[in-house]
Amino acid sequence: MAEAFNFELVSPERLLVSEKVTEVVIPATLGEMTVLANHAPTMTTIKPGVVSVKLASGQVTKYVVFGGFADILPTGCTLLAESAVPASELTHATLQKRIETTQAEINHAQNDEHKTKLEQFLAELTHLNGVVNPA
């Protein structure tokens, strides 16, 4: 049996998870990352995507995050999300509204750097829309 470690998923709205887990898969900015017990200390940024959490009981729960960062230590992992919801609670309409808001922000971006970041965020949201709400 895999060794358990502490995991917390926190957003400004609420604490979504604070449990003993055996595995967490996070959408790190540079690629998907699996965290297990005794992981090397790491801090990474998070892009919009799905976080898969395997509880010590074996149950797997998924959450959708919209950016943030993860602090990983050998004894635990804390993911501080800009915004997060259980995947089961995310609706197509909610995600579509985020996409439309980001498109509007792109049209009003003050400089190229900001516009480029918003376009990347939009691409990630659009990809997430296909993953969470397949056609």
N, C-alpha and C. Protein backbone atom coordinates (compact mmCIF):
# COMPACT_ATOMS: atom_id res chain seq x y z
N MET A 1 0.84 -1.18 0.00
CA MET A 1 0.00 0.00 0.00
C MET A 1 0.90 1.25 0.00
N ALA A 2 0.49 2.23 -0.78
CA ALA A 2 1.27 3.47 -0.89
C ALA A 2 1.20 4.26 0.41
N GLU A 3 2.28 4.96 0.67
CA GLU A 3 2.36 5.78 1.88
C GLU A 3 1.51 7.04 1.72
N ALA A 4 0.79 7.41 2.78
CA ALA A 4 -0.08 8.58 2.75
C ALA A 4 0.68 9.83 3.20
N PHE A 5 0.22 10.97 2.71
CA PHE A 5 0.76 12.26 3.10
C PHE A 5 -0.38 13.27 3.18
N ASN A 6 -0.12 14.42 3.78
CA ASN A 6 -1.14 15.45 3.93
C ASN A 6 -1.29 16.25 2.63
N PHE A 7 -2.55 16.50 2.24
CA PHE A 7 -2.82 17.33 1.07
C PHE A 7 -3.92 18.32 1.40
N GLU A 8 -3.69 19.57 1.00
CA GLU A 8 -4.73 20.59 1.14
C GLU A 8 -4.89 21.32 -0.18
N LEU A 9 -6.14 21.51 -0.56
CA LEU A 9 -6.50 22.32 -1.73
C LEU A 9 -7.33 23.47 -1.20
N VAL A 10 -6.80 24.68 -1.37
CA VAL A 10 -7.42 25.88 -0.81
C VAL A 10 -7.66 26.89 -1.93
N SER A 11 -8.83 27.50 -1.91
CA SER A 11 -9.11 28.62 -2.82
C SER A 11 -9.56 29.78 -1.94
N PRO A 12 -9.62 31.00 -2.49
CA PRO A 12 -10.09 32.13 -1.68
C PRO A 12 -11.51 31.91 -1.13
N GLU A 13 -12.30 31.11 -1.84
CA GLU A 13 -13.68 30.89 -1.43
C GLU A 13 -13.80 29.90 -0.28
N ARG A 14 -12.93 28.84 -0.29
CA ARG A 14 -13.08 27.78 0.71
C ARG A 14 -11.93 26.79 0.69
N LEU A 15 -11.89 25.99 1.74
CA LEU A 15 -10.97 24.86 1.83
C LEU A 15 -11.70 23.68 1.19
N LEU A 16 -11.18 23.17 0.08
CA LEU A 16 -11.86 22.09 -0.62
C LEU A 16 -11.44 20.71 -0.12
N VAL A 17 -10.15 20.56 0.21
CA VAL A 17 -9.65 19.26 0.67
C VAL A 17 -8.62 19.49 1.76
N SER A 18 -8.69 18.68 2.78
CA SER A 18 -7.65 18.61 3.81
C SER A 18 -7.69 17.16 4.29
N GLU A 19 -6.91 16.31 3.63
CA GLU A 19 -7.00 14.86 3.84
C GLU A 19 -5.64 14.20 3.76
N LYS A 20 -5.59 12.97 4.23
CA LYS A 20 -4.45 12.09 3.99
C LYS A 20 -4.69 11.46 2.62
N VAL A 21 -3.70 11.56 1.73
CA VAL A 21 -3.83 11.03 0.38
C VAL A 21 -2.60 10.20 0.04
N THR A 22 -2.73 9.39 -1.01
CA THR A 22 -1.58 8.61 -1.47
C THR A 22 -1.01 9.14 -2.77
N GLU A 23 -1.80 9.96 -3.49
CA GLU A 23 -1.34 10.48 -4.78
C GLU A 23 -2.16 11.70 -5.17
N VAL A 24 -1.49 12.69 -5.75
CA VAL A 24 -2.16 13.87 -6.28
C VAL A 24 -1.54 14.17 -7.64
N VAL A 25 -2.38 14.36 -8.65
CA VAL A 25 -1.90 14.75 -9.97
C VAL A 25 -2.35 16.19 -10.19
N ILE A 26 -1.36 17.07 -10.44
CA ILE A 26 -1.65 18.49 -10.57
C ILE A 26 -1.26 19.01 -11.96
N PRO A 27 -2.01 20.00 -12.47
CA PRO A 27 -1.69 20.58 -13.77
C PRO A 27 -0.65 21.69 -13.63
N ALA A 28 0.59 21.31 -13.41
CA ALA A 28 1.66 22.30 -13.28
C ALA A 28 1.84 23.03 -14.61
N THR A 29 2.32 24.24 -14.56
CA THR A 29 2.48 25.06 -15.76
C THR A 29 3.36 24.38 -16.80
N LEU A 30 4.38 23.66 -16.35
CA LEU A 30 5.30 23.00 -17.29
C LEU A 30 4.90 21.56 -17.62
N GLY A 31 3.74 21.13 -17.16
CA GLY A 31 3.26 19.79 -17.47
C GLY A 31 2.62 19.14 -16.26
N GLU A 32 1.85 18.10 -16.52
CA GLU A 32 1.18 17.38 -15.45
C GLU A 32 2.21 16.77 -14.52
N MET A 33 1.93 16.80 -13.22
CA MET A 33 2.89 16.37 -12.22
C MET A 33 2.20 15.48 -11.19
N THR A 34 2.79 14.32 -10.90
CA THR A 34 2.25 13.42 -9.89
C THR A 34 3.05 13.59 -8.60
N VAL A 35 2.34 13.81 -7.51
CA VAL A 35 2.97 13.99 -6.20
C VAL A 35 2.67 12.75 -5.37
N LEU A 36 3.72 12.16 -4.80
CA LEU A 36 3.61 11.03 -3.90
C LEU A 36 4.30 11.40 -2.59
N ALA A 37 4.15 10.57 -1.58
CA ALA A 37 4.82 10.79 -0.30
C ALA A 37 6.33 10.86 -0.53
N ASN A 38 7.01 11.66 0.27
CA ASN A 38 8.46 11.84 0.21
C ASN A 38 8.95 12.50 -1.07
N HIS A 39 8.09 13.27 -1.71
CA HIS A 39 8.46 14.01 -2.92
C HIS A 39 9.52 15.06 -2.56
N ALA A 40 10.40 15.31 -3.48
CA ALA A 40 11.42 16.35 -3.28
C ALA A 40 10.73 17.71 -3.10
N PRO A 41 11.25 18.56 -2.24
CA PRO A 41 10.65 19.89 -2.06
C PRO A 41 10.60 20.64 -3.40
N THR A 42 9.42 21.13 -3.72
CA THR A 42 9.21 21.80 -5.01
C THR A 42 8.13 22.85 -4.83
N MET A 43 8.25 23.94 -5.55
CA MET A 43 7.18 24.92 -5.65
C MET A 43 6.95 25.14 -7.13
N THR A 44 5.69 25.08 -7.56
CA THR A 44 5.39 25.22 -8.97
C THR A 44 4.09 26.01 -9.16
N THR A 45 4.00 26.67 -10.29
CA THR A 45 2.75 27.36 -10.63
C THR A 45 1.81 26.34 -11.27
N ILE A 46 0.53 26.66 -11.17
CA ILE A 46 -0.54 25.79 -11.66
C ILE A 46 -1.29 26.51 -12.76
N LYS A 47 -1.61 25.78 -13.83
CA LYS A 47 -2.44 26.34 -14.89
C LYS A 47 -3.86 25.78 -14.76
N PRO A 48 -4.82 26.36 -15.45
CA PRO A 48 -6.17 25.80 -15.39
C PRO A 48 -6.15 24.33 -15.80
N GLY A 49 -6.80 23.51 -15.00
CA GLY A 49 -6.83 22.08 -15.30
C GLY A 49 -7.51 21.29 -14.20
N VAL A 50 -7.35 19.98 -14.29
CA VAL A 50 -7.99 19.06 -13.35
C VAL A 50 -6.95 18.52 -12.38
N VAL A 51 -7.28 18.58 -11.10
CA VAL A 51 -6.46 17.98 -10.04
C VAL A 51 -7.13 16.68 -9.65
N SER A 52 -6.38 15.59 -9.71
CA SER A 52 -6.90 14.28 -9.34
C SER A 52 -6.30 13.90 -7.99
N VAL A 53 -7.16 13.61 -7.03
CA VAL A 53 -6.72 13.32 -5.66
C VAL A 53 -7.13 11.90 -5.30
N LYS A 54 -6.13 11.06 -4.96
CA LYS A 54 -6.42 9.69 -4.52
C LYS A 54 -6.28 9.65 -3.00
N LEU A 55 -7.43 9.51 -2.32
CA LEU A 55 -7.44 9.48 -0.87
C LEU A 55 -6.80 8.21 -0.35
N ALA A 56 -6.40 8.22 0.92
CA ALA A 56 -5.80 7.04 1.53
C ALA A 56 -6.76 5.84 1.46
N SER A 57 -8.07 6.11 1.43
CA SER A 57 -9.08 5.05 1.32
C SER A 57 -9.13 4.43 -0.07
N GLY A 58 -8.48 5.07 -1.05
CA GLY A 58 -8.50 4.58 -2.43
C GLY A 58 -9.45 5.33 -3.34
N GLN A 59 -10.36 6.11 -2.75
CA GLN A 59 -11.32 6.88 -3.54
C GLN A 59 -10.60 8.01 -4.28
N VAL A 60 -10.97 8.22 -5.55
CA VAL A 60 -10.38 9.29 -6.36
C VAL A 60 -11.42 10.40 -6.55
N THR A 61 -11.01 11.63 -6.26
CA THR A 61 -11.87 12.79 -6.42
C THR A 61 -11.15 13.78 -7.33
N LYS A 62 -11.92 14.47 -8.18
CA LYS A 62 -11.33 15.44 -9.11
C LYS A 62 -11.86 16.83 -8.85
N TYR A 63 -10.95 17.80 -9.02
CA TYR A 63 -11.27 19.21 -8.83
C TYR A 63 -10.76 19.98 -10.03
N VAL A 64 -11.45 21.05 -10.39
CA VAL A 64 -11.00 21.92 -11.46
C VAL A 64 -10.43 23.18 -10.82
N VAL A 65 -9.19 23.51 -11.21
CA VAL A 65 -8.53 24.71 -10.69
C VAL A 65 -8.29 25.68 -11.84
N PHE A 66 -8.24 26.97 -11.50
CA PHE A 66 -8.04 28.02 -12.49
C PHE A 66 -6.79 28.82 -12.15
N GLY A 67 -5.67 28.12 -12.03
CA GLY A 67 -4.41 28.78 -11.72
C GLY A 67 -4.09 28.73 -10.24
N GLY A 68 -2.85 29.12 -9.92
CA GLY A 68 -2.42 29.14 -8.54
C GLY A 68 -0.99 28.61 -8.43
N PHE A 69 -0.65 28.06 -7.27
CA PHE A 69 0.65 27.43 -7.13
C PHE A 69 0.59 26.32 -6.10
N ALA A 70 1.54 25.40 -6.19
CA ALA A 70 1.61 24.26 -5.27
C ALA A 70 2.94 24.30 -4.54
N ASP A 71 2.88 24.04 -3.25
CA ASP A 71 4.06 23.93 -2.40
C ASP A 71 4.14 22.46 -1.98
N ILE A 72 5.18 21.77 -2.44
CA ILE A 72 5.32 20.34 -2.21
C ILE A 72 6.51 20.09 -1.30
N LEU A 73 6.26 19.30 -0.25
CA LEU A 73 7.30 18.91 0.70
C LEU A 73 7.27 17.38 0.83
N PRO A 74 8.29 16.76 1.38
CA PRO A 74 8.25 15.30 1.56
C PRO A 74 7.06 14.84 2.40
N THR A 75 6.57 15.69 3.30
CA THR A 75 5.48 15.31 4.20
C THR A 75 4.10 15.77 3.75
N GLY A 76 4.02 16.54 2.66
CA GLY A 76 2.72 17.01 2.24
C GLY A 76 2.76 17.93 1.04
N CYS A 77 1.56 18.32 0.61
CA CYS A 77 1.42 19.20 -0.55
C CYS A 77 0.25 20.15 -0.27
N THR A 78 0.48 21.42 -0.51
CA THR A 78 -0.57 22.42 -0.40
C THR A 78 -0.72 23.09 -1.75
N LEU A 79 -1.93 23.07 -2.28
CA LEU A 79 -2.22 23.73 -3.55
C LEU A 79 -3.10 24.93 -3.25
N LEU A 80 -2.56 26.12 -3.52
CA LEU A 80 -3.31 27.36 -3.34
C LEU A 80 -3.82 27.80 -4.70
N ALA A 81 -5.11 27.62 -4.91
CA ALA A 81 -5.71 27.90 -6.21
C ALA A 81 -6.30 29.29 -6.26
N GLU A 82 -6.18 29.94 -7.42
CA GLU A 82 -6.85 31.23 -7.61
C GLU A 82 -8.35 31.05 -7.50
N SER A 83 -8.83 29.92 -8.00
CA SER A 83 -10.23 29.53 -7.92
C SER A 83 -10.28 28.03 -8.16
N ALA A 84 -11.19 27.34 -7.47
CA ALA A 84 -11.30 25.89 -7.63
C ALA A 84 -12.70 25.42 -7.26
N VAL A 85 -13.14 24.36 -7.93
CA VAL A 85 -14.43 23.74 -7.63
C VAL A 85 -14.30 22.24 -7.84
N PRO A 86 -15.11 21.45 -7.12
CA PRO A 86 -15.15 20.02 -7.44
C PRO A 86 -15.58 19.86 -8.90
N ALA A 87 -14.95 18.95 -9.62
CA ALA A 87 -15.27 18.76 -11.04
C ALA A 87 -16.75 18.47 -11.24
N SER A 88 -17.36 17.79 -10.30
CA SER A 88 -18.78 17.45 -10.41
C SER A 88 -19.69 18.68 -10.35
N GLU A 89 -19.18 19.79 -9.81
CA GLU A 89 -19.98 21.02 -9.68
C GLU A 89 -19.77 22.00 -10.84
N LEU A 90 -18.78 21.75 -11.69
CA LEU A 90 -18.51 22.68 -12.79
C LEU A 90 -19.48 22.44 -13.94
N THR A 91 -20.17 23.49 -14.33
CA THR A 91 -21.12 23.35 -15.45
C THR A 91 -20.52 23.97 -16.71
N HIS A 92 -21.07 23.56 -17.83
CA HIS A 92 -20.64 24.12 -19.12
C HIS A 92 -20.85 25.63 -19.11
N ALA A 93 -21.98 26.08 -18.57
CA ALA A 93 -22.30 27.52 -18.56
C ALA A 93 -21.28 28.32 -17.75
N THR A 94 -20.86 27.79 -16.61
CA THR A 94 -19.87 28.48 -15.78
C THR A 94 -18.54 28.61 -16.51
N LEU A 95 -18.10 27.54 -17.12
CA LEU A 95 -16.83 27.57 -17.85
C LEU A 95 -16.94 28.47 -19.07
N GLN A 96 -18.06 28.42 -19.76
CA GLN A 96 -18.25 29.27 -20.94
C GLN A 96 -18.22 30.75 -20.55
N LYS A 97 -18.77 31.07 -19.38
CA LYS A 97 -18.74 32.47 -18.91
C LYS A 97 -17.31 32.92 -18.66
N ARG A 98 -16.46 32.05 -18.08
CA ARG A 98 -15.05 32.39 -17.87
C ARG A 98 -14.34 32.62 -19.21
N ILE A 99 -14.66 31.80 -20.18
CA ILE A 99 -14.06 31.93 -21.52
C ILE A 99 -14.45 33.28 -22.13
N GLU A 100 -15.73 33.62 -22.05
CA GLU A 100 -16.20 34.89 -22.62
C GLU A 100 -15.60 36.09 -21.90
N THR A 101 -15.48 36.01 -20.59
CA THR A 101 -14.86 37.10 -19.82
C THR A 101 -13.41 37.29 -20.22
N THR A 102 -12.69 36.20 -20.40
CA THR A 102 -11.28 36.28 -20.81
C THR A 102 -11.16 36.86 -22.21
N GLN A 103 -12.07 36.47 -23.13
CA GLN A 103 -12.05 37.04 -24.48
C GLN A 103 -12.27 38.55 -24.44
N ALA A 104 -13.17 38.99 -23.59
CA ALA A 104 -13.42 40.44 -23.46
C ALA A 104 -12.19 41.15 -22.90
N GLU A 105 -11.51 40.52 -21.93
CA GLU A 105 -10.30 41.12 -21.36
C GLU A 105 -9.19 41.23 -22.41
N ILE A 106 -9.11 40.26 -23.30
CA ILE A 106 -8.10 40.31 -24.38
C ILE A 106 -8.34 41.53 -25.25
N ASN A 107 -9.59 41.79 -25.57
CA ASN A 107 -9.93 42.92 -26.42
C ASN A 107 -9.59 44.26 -25.79
N HIS A 108 -9.45 44.29 -24.45
CA HIS A 108 -9.15 45.54 -23.75
C HIS A 108 -7.77 45.53 -23.10
N ALA A 109 -6.93 44.58 -23.48
CA ALA A 109 -5.58 44.48 -22.88
C ALA A 109 -4.79 45.75 -23.18
N GLN A 110 -4.08 46.25 -22.17
CA GLN A 110 -3.34 47.50 -22.29
C GLN A 110 -2.00 47.37 -23.00
N ASN A 111 -1.42 46.14 -22.98
CA ASN A 111 -0.13 45.95 -23.64
C ASN A 111 -0.01 44.52 -24.17
N ASP A 112 0.99 44.29 -25.01
CA ASP A 112 1.15 42.99 -25.66
C ASP A 112 1.45 41.88 -24.66
N GLU A 113 2.23 42.18 -23.63
CA GLU A 113 2.58 41.15 -22.64
C GLU A 113 1.31 40.65 -21.93
N HIS A 114 0.48 41.58 -21.50
CA HIS A 114 -0.77 41.21 -20.82
C HIS A 114 -1.68 40.44 -21.78
N LYS A 115 -1.75 40.91 -23.02
CA LYS A 115 -2.60 40.25 -24.02
C LYS A 115 -2.12 38.81 -24.25
N THR A 116 -0.81 38.61 -24.34
CA THR A 116 -0.26 37.27 -24.55
C THR A 116 -0.61 36.34 -23.40
N LYS A 117 -0.49 36.83 -22.16
CA LYS A 117 -0.84 36.01 -20.99
C LYS A 117 -2.32 35.64 -21.01
N LEU A 118 -3.17 36.60 -21.36
CA LEU A 118 -4.61 36.33 -21.44
C LEU A 118 -4.92 35.32 -22.55
N GLU A 119 -4.23 35.42 -23.67
CA GLU A 119 -4.45 34.47 -24.77
C GLU A 119 -4.04 33.05 -24.36
N GLN A 120 -2.96 32.93 -23.59
CA GLN A 120 -2.53 31.62 -23.09
C GLN A 120 -3.58 31.07 -22.12
N PHE A 121 -4.07 31.93 -21.23
CA PHE A 121 -5.10 31.53 -20.28
C PHE A 121 -6.36 31.07 -21.03
N LEU A 122 -6.73 31.80 -22.08
CA LEU A 122 -7.90 31.44 -22.89
C LEU A 122 -7.70 30.08 -23.54
N ALA A 123 -6.51 29.83 -24.06
CA ALA A 123 -6.22 28.52 -24.68
C ALA A 123 -6.36 27.39 -23.65
N GLU A 124 -5.88 27.63 -22.43
CA GLU A 124 -5.99 26.62 -21.38
C GLU A 124 -7.45 26.40 -20.98
N LEU A 125 -8.24 27.48 -20.90
CA LEU A 125 -9.67 27.35 -20.58
C LEU A 125 -10.41 26.59 -21.67
N THR A 126 -10.08 26.88 -22.92
CA THR A 126 -10.73 26.21 -24.04
C THR A 126 -10.40 24.72 -24.03
N HIS A 127 -9.14 24.39 -23.74
CA HIS A 127 -8.75 22.98 -23.64
C HIS A 127 -9.50 22.32 -22.47
N LEU A 128 -9.57 23.01 -21.37
CA LEU A 128 -10.25 22.50 -20.18
C LEU A 128 -11.73 22.25 -20.50
N ASN A 129 -12.34 23.12 -21.27
CA ASN A 129 -13.73 22.97 -21.66
C ASN A 129 -13.95 21.65 -22.39
N GLY A 130 -13.00 21.29 -23.25
CA GLY A 130 -13.11 20.01 -23.98
C GLY A 130 -12.89 18.81 -23.08
N VAL A 131 -12.07 18.96 -22.04
CA VAL A 131 -11.78 17.85 -21.13
C VAL A 131 -12.94 17.64 -20.14
N VAL A 132 -13.43 18.73 -19.56
CA VAL A 132 -14.46 18.63 -18.54
C VAL A 132 -15.84 18.43 -19.15
N ASN A 133 -16.10 19.06 -20.29
CA ASN A 133 -17.42 18.98 -20.94
C ASN A 133 -17.27 18.44 -22.36
N PRO A 134 -16.88 17.15 -22.52
CA PRO A 134 -16.68 16.65 -23.87
C PRO A 134 -17.96 16.70 -24.69
N ALA A 135 -17.78 16.99 -25.97
CA ALA A 135 -18.93 17.14 -26.87
C ALA A 135 -19.58 15.81 -27.17
